[in-house]
Amino acid sequence: MEVFVTRQPIFDRHDRVAGYELLYRRSPTSARAPQMVTPALSTRVIADAFLGIGVHRVTDGRPAYLNCGRELLLSGLLELFDPRHVVIELLETVEPDDEVIAACQALSEAGYRIALDDFEYRARWEPLLRIADVIKVDVLAHSPAELEKAVARLRRYNAMLLAEKVESAEVRDRCLRLGFDLFQGFHFRRPETVAHRDISVAQIRILKLMNLMRDLNIPDARLEDEFRADVPLSYKLLRMANSAAIGGIGIQSLGHAIRLLGRQPLYRWLSLLLLSSARRRGGIDEELVHASLVRARFAELTAQHAGRAADAGALFLIGLFARLDDLLGTPMTEILDQLVLDAPVREALLDRAGPYADLLNLVEAYEDGRWEEVARLAAATGVAAAELTEHYLQALSWARVQRIRDED
């Protein structure tokens, strides 16, 4: 059985990740509803998929918002999930008849949280509004005046309000003022640059070291001098070298650490360090960093299994840096002007073009749940579409480990 799954983060009022909506299809050619609203799979598929995969693998232990149609709601299969780990998201296409209301009431009494998707007020929804824990409102579908009126009406119920399809920081701030509790969509849209951020001194030093690493004419002694000038960076290098040392070999010097690790692994480590140094806005930046780590590893694994092992390293770097402009608040052209990169890598990052663009586009289409595009790109690149979900799950696990190491 093939199941394709990805996730979209939901943030709270303090920009912390409060959960993930899971986007899924039985195959990449399944019919796709407009604007990424995911219809429910058959009851058997969703049960097999998420009980088999394990929801926690996809959500890092945070609540999973599961799209739910009438068939699934009435099947009894939802009770197989731990109510602490899921939110039952009732699709807007489900009619609130007596059976549906009774099923939602029973789930609520059993400890499950109920969310109403793409909600538009109708009197017949009153029984479910009294049950719901989360009410999702499509902010793109309302003018500011309509949105204010809708919030005033929905505030009468004991439910959190979730603003979905939030496409900019301006919209997010407006929704925050109106009283929304949760926000979805901001992470998957490029936030506007309100003010240009200067790249920090520490980031400039990392960029300089990355360039020196790539220049084979630069001796290790020069690299050692650069590390000496930065005590925190030297400490991290020694920690990394000690963890890599075999047979109790003691690290004698910074130069010894550089030789032990090798330039290519060091370049990759510095790339990860540059990315993690960009976190400034709490949960949103944290999620962007995590998503970049996932994309880097996902692109690398996809290249390896597509018979393009020679491209895997470049695709890792491209996936890692694909949204570095959002994190640094600096145009990509300015960032790349400070990095010595091969022309095809620059072309992929700037224009999504060149020899690496096909796999990068495939990875990004998968992450966004654009399943028809996934099917087309997978066929064009020779990637087995059925393997993509496992690659994605492996990337999630790898990125989780990297985040833990970085916090340590």
Protein backbone atom coordinates (compact mmCIF):
# COMPACT_ATOMS: atom_id res chain seq x y z
CA MET A 1 0.00 0.00 0.00
CA GLU A 2 1.34 3.44 -0.91
CA VAL A 3 0.61 6.38 1.35
CA PHE A 4 2.10 9.84 0.84
CA VAL A 5 2.24 12.07 3.88
CA THR A 6 3.72 15.42 4.77
CA ARG A 7 2.94 18.04 7.39
CA GLN A 8 2.21 21.73 7.83
CA PRO A 9 2.96 23.44 11.15
CA ILE A 10 0.41 25.25 13.28
CA PHE A 11 1.76 28.05 15.50
CA ASP A 12 0.39 29.54 18.71
CA ARG A 13 0.28 33.24 19.65
CA HIS A 14 3.93 33.10 20.78
CA ASP A 15 5.17 31.60 17.48
CA ARG A 16 5.66 28.18 19.04
CA VAL A 17 4.70 25.07 17.08
CA ALA A 18 1.41 23.84 18.55
CA GLY A 19 0.84 20.92 16.19
CA TYR A 20 0.95 19.78 12.57
CA GLU A 21 -1.81 19.25 10.06
CA LEU A 22 -1.04 16.06 8.16
CA LEU A 23 -1.50 16.20 4.39
CA TYR A 24 -1.84 12.80 2.80
CA ARG A 25 -2.89 10.84 -0.28
CA ARG A 26 -3.16 7.19 -1.12
CA SER A 27 -1.03 7.83 -4.19
CA PRO A 28 0.49 10.92 -5.82
CA THR A 29 -2.12 10.72 -8.58
CA SER A 30 -5.11 10.83 -6.21
CA ALA A 31 -7.57 13.62 -6.85
CA ARG A 32 -6.52 16.84 -5.18
CA ALA A 33 -8.96 19.33 -3.76
CA PRO A 34 -8.33 23.00 -4.52
CA GLN A 35 -6.02 25.07 -2.32
CA MET A 36 -4.50 22.04 -0.60
CA VAL A 37 -7.63 21.02 1.37
CA THR A 38 -7.02 17.30 1.79
CA PRO A 39 -10.02 14.99 1.54
CA ALA A 40 -10.01 12.03 3.87
CA LEU A 41 -8.62 8.73 2.72
CA SER A 42 -10.61 5.56 3.05
CA THR A 43 -10.94 4.43 6.65
CA ARG A 44 -8.68 1.43 6.09
CA VAL A 45 -5.92 3.46 4.47
CA ILE A 46 -5.72 6.12 7.17
CA ALA A 47 -5.80 3.53 9.93
CA ASP A 48 -3.12 1.40 8.30
CA ALA A 49 -1.00 4.41 7.35
CA PHE A 50 -0.87 6.27 10.64
CA LEU A 51 -1.08 3.32 12.97
CA GLY A 52 1.67 1.68 10.92
CA ILE A 53 3.88 4.73 10.37
CA GLY A 54 3.25 6.07 13.86
CA VAL A 55 1.89 9.59 14.09
CA HIS A 56 4.69 10.58 16.46
CA ARG A 57 7.28 9.98 13.70
CA VAL A 58 5.69 12.69 11.61
CA THR A 59 4.85 15.23 14.32
CA ASP A 60 7.77 14.99 16.79
CA GLY A 61 5.24 14.18 19.50
CA ARG A 62 3.09 17.27 18.89
CA PRO A 63 -0.66 16.97 18.16
CA ALA A 64 -1.53 15.73 14.67
CA TYR A 65 -4.53 17.32 12.97
CA LEU A 66 -6.13 14.48 10.99
CA ASN A 67 -8.53 15.40 8.20
CA CYS A 68 -11.71 13.43 8.75
CA GLY A 69 -14.65 12.76 6.45
CA ARG A 70 -18.00 11.23 7.33
CA GLU A 71 -16.94 7.63 6.61
CA LEU A 72 -13.92 7.80 8.89
CA LEU A 73 -15.80 9.65 11.62
CA LEU A 74 -18.49 6.97 11.84
CA SER A 75 -16.14 4.00 11.42
CA GLY A 76 -14.94 3.79 15.01
CA LEU A 77 -11.31 3.60 13.85
CA LEU A 78 -10.42 6.99 15.29
CA GLU A 79 -10.65 5.49 18.76
CA LEU A 80 -7.54 3.46 17.96
CA PHE A 81 -5.51 6.68 18.24
CA ASP A 82 -4.34 8.09 21.55
CA PRO A 83 -6.53 11.18 22.15
CA ARG A 84 -3.50 13.04 23.48
CA HIS A 85 -1.78 12.83 20.10
CA VAL A 86 -4.48 13.72 17.58
CA VAL A 87 -7.01 16.42 16.80
CA ILE A 88 -9.96 15.23 14.70
CA GLU A 89 -10.37 17.84 11.94
CA LEU A 90 -13.89 17.56 10.52
CA LEU A 91 -13.87 18.58 6.87
CA GLU A 92 -16.23 21.31 5.74
CA THR A 93 -17.88 18.87 3.32
CA VAL A 94 -19.33 16.79 6.19
CA GLU A 95 -22.99 17.55 6.90
CA PRO A 96 -23.77 17.96 10.63
CA ASP A 97 -26.61 15.44 10.79
CA ASP A 98 -27.64 13.51 13.91
CA GLU A 99 -25.13 10.68 13.31
CA VAL A 100 -22.24 13.07 12.84
CA ILE A 101 -23.16 15.11 15.91
CA ALA A 102 -23.49 11.96 18.04
CA ALA A 103 -20.12 10.64 16.84
CA CYS A 104 -18.38 13.94 17.60
CA GLN A 105 -20.02 14.10 21.03
CA ALA A 106 -18.84 10.58 21.85
CA LEU A 107 -15.28 11.35 20.71
CA SER A 108 -15.25 14.55 22.73
CA GLU A 109 -16.43 12.75 25.85
CA ALA A 110 -13.65 10.19 25.30
CA GLY A 111 -11.04 12.97 25.42
CA TYR A 112 -10.56 13.66 21.70
CA ARG A 113 -10.28 17.24 20.48
CA ILE A 114 -12.53 18.25 17.60
CA ALA A 115 -11.59 20.90 15.02
CA LEU A 116 -13.95 22.32 12.39
CA ASP A 117 -12.18 22.95 9.08
CA ASP A 118 -12.79 25.99 6.84
CA PHE A 119 -15.70 27.01 9.01
CA GLU A 120 -18.51 29.23 7.72
CA TYR A 121 -21.32 29.88 10.19
CA ARG A 122 -24.64 28.14 9.57
CA ALA A 123 -27.33 27.63 12.21
CA ARG A 124 -27.30 23.86 11.69
CA TRP A 125 -23.68 23.78 12.97
CA GLU A 126 -24.68 25.01 16.44
CA PRO A 127 -24.45 21.55 18.10
CA LEU A 128 -20.91 21.05 16.77
CA LEU A 129 -19.85 24.57 17.70
CA ARG A 130 -20.69 23.73 21.31
CA ILE A 131 -18.49 20.60 21.07
CA ALA A 132 -15.56 21.96 19.05
CA ASP A 133 -12.18 22.64 20.62
CA VAL A 134 -10.74 24.42 17.55
CA ILE A 135 -12.52 26.39 14.82
CA LYS A 136 -10.49 26.99 11.67
CA VAL A 137 -11.24 30.10 9.62
CA ASP A 138 -9.94 30.69 6.09
CA VAL A 139 -8.71 34.26 6.40
CA LEU A 140 -8.16 34.57 2.65
CA ALA A 141 -11.88 34.07 2.07
CA HIS A 142 -12.89 37.06 4.21
CA SER A 143 -12.40 40.79 3.96
CA PRO A 144 -11.05 42.45 7.14
CA ALA A 145 -14.57 43.57 8.08
CA GLU A 146 -16.03 40.11 7.45
CA LEU A 147 -13.26 38.52 9.46
CA GLU A 148 -13.87 40.82 12.43
CA LYS A 149 -17.57 39.98 12.34
CA ALA A 150 -16.87 36.23 12.10
CA VAL A 151 -14.49 36.34 15.08
CA ALA A 152 -17.02 38.26 17.19
CA ARG A 153 -19.63 35.57 16.50
CA LEU A 154 -17.31 32.61 17.10
CA ARG A 155 -15.91 34.04 20.33
CA ARG A 156 -19.22 33.08 21.99
CA TYR A 157 -18.12 29.44 21.90
CA ASN A 158 -15.56 27.73 24.09
CA ALA A 159 -13.14 26.98 21.26
CA MET A 160 -9.75 28.20 20.10
CA LEU A 161 -9.77 30.08 16.81
CA LEU A 162 -7.25 29.03 14.16
CA ALA A 163 -6.46 31.36 11.27
CA GLU A 164 -5.58 29.28 8.22
CA LYS A 165 -4.03 30.39 4.93
CA VAL A 166 -2.08 33.13 6.69
CA GLU A 167 0.23 34.29 3.91
CA SER A 168 2.16 37.17 5.43
CA ALA A 169 3.32 38.63 8.71
CA GLU A 170 0.88 41.51 8.22
CA VAL A 171 -2.11 39.15 8.03
CA ARG A 172 -0.81 37.17 10.98
CA ASP A 173 -0.53 40.33 13.10
CA ARG A 174 -4.06 41.41 12.11
CA CYS A 175 -5.42 38.01 13.12
CA LEU A 176 -3.52 38.20 16.39
CA ARG A 177 -5.17 41.54 17.19
CA LEU A 178 -8.59 40.08 16.38
CA GLY A 179 -8.04 37.36 18.95
CA PHE A 180 -7.04 34.27 16.98
CA ASP A 181 -5.20 31.71 19.08
CA LEU A 182 -3.52 29.58 16.39
CA PHE A 183 -2.03 30.29 12.95
CA GLN A 184 -1.37 28.12 9.90
CA GLY A 185 0.22 28.86 6.56
CA PHE A 186 2.80 31.45 7.59
CA HIS A 187 5.66 28.97 7.53
CA PHE A 188 4.96 27.87 3.97
CA ARG A 189 4.91 31.38 2.52
CA ARG A 190 7.96 33.55 2.19
CA PRO A 191 7.58 36.29 4.83
CA GLU A 192 8.13 39.78 3.57
CA THR A 193 11.38 41.41 4.64
CA VAL A 194 10.21 44.20 6.91
CA ALA A 195 13.75 45.34 7.58
CA HIS A 196 17.04 44.23 6.11
CA ARG A 197 19.10 42.27 8.61
CA ASP A 198 22.86 42.60 8.62
CA ILE A 199 24.66 39.28 8.66
CA SER A 200 26.31 38.94 12.07
CA VAL A 201 30.05 38.86 12.68
CA ALA A 202 29.79 35.19 13.69
CA GLN A 203 27.95 34.34 10.46
CA ILE A 204 30.51 36.21 8.38
CA ARG A 205 33.28 34.19 10.03
CA ILE A 206 31.46 30.95 9.24
CA LEU A 207 30.98 32.03 5.61
CA LYS A 208 34.68 32.89 5.38
CA LEU A 209 35.67 29.49 6.79
CA MET A 210 33.35 27.71 4.37
CA ASN A 211 35.04 29.45 1.46
CA LEU A 212 38.51 28.61 2.77
CA MET A 213 37.49 24.96 3.20
CA ARG A 214 36.68 24.76 -0.50
CA ASP A 215 40.01 26.19 -1.60
CA LEU A 216 42.47 23.30 -1.77
CA ASN A 217 45.35 25.77 -2.05
CA ILE A 218 44.69 27.00 1.49
CA PRO A 219 46.85 25.02 3.98
CA ASP A 220 45.41 23.56 7.17
CA ALA A 221 47.56 26.00 9.16
CA ARG A 222 45.53 28.89 7.73
CA LEU A 223 42.28 27.17 8.72
CA GLU A 224 43.67 26.63 12.21
CA ASP A 225 44.45 30.36 12.50
CA GLU A 226 40.86 31.21 11.56
CA PHE A 227 39.48 28.90 14.23
CA ARG A 228 41.90 30.31 16.80
CA ALA A 229 40.33 33.74 16.28
CA ASP A 230 36.93 32.45 17.39
CA VAL A 231 36.89 30.75 20.81
CA PRO A 232 33.26 29.46 20.70
CA LEU A 233 33.85 28.02 17.22
CA SER A 234 37.10 26.40 18.36
CA TYR A 235 35.32 24.82 21.31
CA LYS A 236 32.61 23.39 19.07
CA LEU A 237 35.24 22.06 16.68
CA LEU A 238 37.07 20.27 19.50
CA ARG A 239 33.83 18.79 20.84
CA MET A 240 32.98 17.51 17.39
CA ALA A 241 36.49 16.09 16.86
CA ASN A 242 36.48 14.36 20.24
CA SER A 243 33.17 12.69 19.45
CA ALA A 244 34.65 11.49 16.14
CA ALA A 245 37.95 10.27 17.62
CA ILE A 246 38.46 6.51 17.62
CA GLY A 247 40.26 4.32 20.15
CA GLY A 248 40.69 6.99 22.78
CA ILE A 249 42.92 9.17 20.59
CA GLY A 250 43.36 12.54 22.26
CA ILE A 251 43.00 15.69 20.20
CA GLN A 252 46.35 17.45 20.32
CA SER A 253 45.48 20.75 18.62
CA LEU A 254 42.97 22.55 16.42
CA GLY A 255 45.02 21.50 13.41
CA HIS A 256 44.83 17.88 14.55
CA ALA A 257 41.05 18.22 14.84
CA ILE A 258 40.80 19.66 11.31
CA ARG A 259 42.89 16.83 9.83
CA LEU A 260 40.98 14.18 11.78
CA LEU A 261 37.59 15.37 10.57
CA GLY A 262 38.48 16.27 6.98
CA ARG A 263 37.41 19.27 4.94
CA GLN A 264 34.21 17.91 3.42
CA PRO A 265 32.66 16.89 6.76
CA LEU A 266 33.78 20.22 8.22
CA TYR A 267 32.17 22.12 5.36
CA ARG A 268 28.90 20.30 6.00
CA TRP A 269 29.15 20.99 9.72
CA LEU A 270 29.75 24.70 9.09
CA SER A 271 26.72 24.77 6.78
CA LEU A 272 24.55 23.36 9.56
CA LEU A 273 26.08 25.83 12.02
CA LEU A 274 25.32 28.76 9.71
CA LEU A 275 21.72 27.66 9.44
CA SER A 276 21.23 27.19 13.18
CA SER A 277 22.81 30.59 13.89
CA ALA A 278 19.93 32.27 12.05
CA ARG A 279 17.24 31.50 14.63
CA ARG A 280 15.99 34.77 16.03
CA ARG A 281 12.19 34.75 15.98
CA GLY A 282 11.47 31.87 18.31
CA GLY A 283 9.24 29.10 17.02
CA ILE A 284 8.89 30.32 13.43
CA ASP A 285 12.63 30.46 12.86
CA GLU A 286 13.03 27.19 14.75
CA GLU A 287 10.54 25.54 12.41
CA LEU A 288 12.23 27.06 9.35
CA VAL A 289 15.58 25.68 10.50
CA HIS A 290 14.05 22.27 11.16
CA ALA A 291 12.27 22.28 7.77
CA SER A 292 15.57 23.18 6.08
CA LEU A 293 17.32 20.28 7.78
CA VAL A 294 14.52 17.95 6.68
CA ARG A 295 14.67 19.24 3.10
CA ALA A 296 18.47 18.86 2.96
CA ARG A 297 18.42 15.25 4.10
CA PHE A 298 15.32 14.47 2.04
CA ALA A 299 17.01 15.82 -1.11
CA GLU A 300 20.18 13.89 -0.33
CA LEU A 301 18.33 10.59 0.16
CA THR A 302 16.24 11.15 -2.96
CA ALA A 303 19.37 11.73 -5.05
CA GLN A 304 21.00 8.59 -3.67
CA HIS A 305 17.99 6.42 -4.51
CA ALA A 306 17.58 8.02 -7.92
CA GLY A 307 20.98 6.73 -9.01
CA ARG A 308 22.56 10.17 -8.62
CA ALA A 309 24.85 9.60 -5.66
CA ALA A 310 27.39 12.03 -7.12
CA ASP A 311 24.79 14.82 -6.80
CA ALA A 312 23.75 13.96 -3.24
CA GLY A 313 26.19 16.32 -1.52
CA ALA A 314 25.23 19.28 -3.70
CA LEU A 315 21.53 18.59 -3.20
CA PHE A 316 22.00 18.41 0.56
CA LEU A 317 23.57 21.89 0.48
CA ILE A 318 20.88 23.26 -1.86
CA GLY A 319 18.09 21.89 0.31
CA LEU A 320 19.76 23.29 3.42
CA PHE A 321 20.16 26.79 1.99
CA ALA A 322 16.94 26.98 -0.05
CA ARG A 323 15.31 29.30 2.51
CA LEU A 324 18.39 30.86 4.06
CA ASP A 325 17.24 34.24 2.77
CA ASP A 326 14.09 33.97 4.90
CA LEU A 327 16.11 33.05 7.98
CA LEU A 328 18.79 35.71 7.58
CA GLY A 329 16.39 38.38 6.34
CA THR A 330 18.82 39.02 3.50
CA PRO A 331 18.27 38.58 -0.26
CA MET A 332 19.65 35.31 -1.59
CA THR A 333 21.87 37.14 -4.08
CA GLU A 334 23.65 38.96 -1.24
CA ILE A 335 24.17 35.74 0.70
CA LEU A 336 25.54 33.92 -2.33
CA ASP A 337 27.88 36.82 -3.10
CA GLN A 338 29.67 35.91 0.12
CA LEU A 339 29.86 32.19 -0.64
CA VAL A 340 32.00 30.44 -3.21
CA LEU A 341 29.59 27.93 -4.74
CA ASP A 342 29.52 26.04 -8.00
CA ALA A 343 27.45 27.68 -10.73
CA PRO A 344 24.79 24.89 -10.82
CA VAL A 345 24.27 25.23 -7.06
CA ARG A 346 23.80 28.99 -7.37
CA GLU A 347 21.43 28.47 -10.29
CA ALA A 348 19.28 26.08 -8.26
CA LEU A 349 19.14 28.41 -5.25
CA LEU A 350 18.45 31.59 -7.22
CA ASP A 351 16.24 30.40 -10.06
CA ARG A 352 15.21 26.78 -9.31
CA ALA A 353 16.95 25.95 -12.60
CA GLY A 354 19.92 23.92 -13.79
CA PRO A 355 20.86 20.25 -13.35
CA TYR A 356 19.78 20.06 -9.69
CA ALA A 357 16.43 21.79 -10.09
CA ASP A 358 14.44 18.66 -10.93
CA LEU A 359 15.13 16.90 -7.63
CA LEU A 360 14.86 20.12 -5.61
CA ASN A 361 11.47 20.82 -7.19
CA LEU A 362 10.37 17.25 -6.47
CA VAL A 363 11.32 17.54 -2.80
CA GLU A 364 9.60 20.91 -2.39
CA ALA A 365 6.45 19.69 -4.18
CA TYR A 366 6.31 16.71 -1.83
CA GLU A 367 6.71 18.92 1.24
CA ASP A 368 3.85 21.14 0.05
CA GLY A 369 1.57 18.18 -0.72
CA ARG A 370 1.30 19.01 -4.43
CA TRP A 371 0.75 15.38 -5.28
CA GLU A 372 0.10 15.56 -9.06
CA GLU A 373 3.34 17.52 -9.41
CA VAL A 374 5.08 14.90 -7.27
CA ALA A 375 3.89 12.15 -9.61
CA ARG A 376 5.05 14.05 -12.71
CA LEU A 377 8.47 14.99 -11.31
CA ALA A 378 9.08 11.53 -9.85
CA ALA A 379 8.43 9.95 -13.23
CA ALA A 380 10.64 12.50 -15.00
CA THR A 381 13.56 12.02 -12.61
CA GLY A 382 13.34 8.25 -12.32
CA VAL A 383 12.51 8.35 -8.61
CA ALA A 384 10.26 5.60 -7.25
CA ALA A 385 7.35 7.62 -5.89
CA ALA A 386 6.45 4.85 -3.46
CA GLU A 387 9.78 5.36 -1.64
CA LEU A 388 9.36 9.08 -1.05
CA THR A 389 7.36 8.80 2.16
CA GLU A 390 10.00 6.58 3.77
CA HIS A 391 12.74 9.00 2.67
CA TYR A 392 10.72 11.86 4.16
CA LEU A 393 10.25 10.03 7.47
CA GLN A 394 13.97 9.21 7.59
CA ALA A 395 14.74 12.89 6.97
CA LEU A 396 12.41 13.92 9.81
CA SER A 397 14.18 11.54 12.18
CA TRP A 398 17.63 12.73 11.09
CA ALA A 399 16.68 16.39 11.49
CA ARG A 400 15.29 15.71 14.95
CA VAL A 401 18.66 14.25 16.02
CA GLN A 402 20.53 17.25 14.60
CA ARG A 403 18.28 19.62 16.55
CA ILE A 404 18.88 17.72 19.77
CA ARG A 405 22.66 17.83 19.20
CA ASP A 406 22.53 21.55 18.50
CA GLU A 407 20.57 22.20 21.73
CA ASP A 408 23.17 20.21 23.67
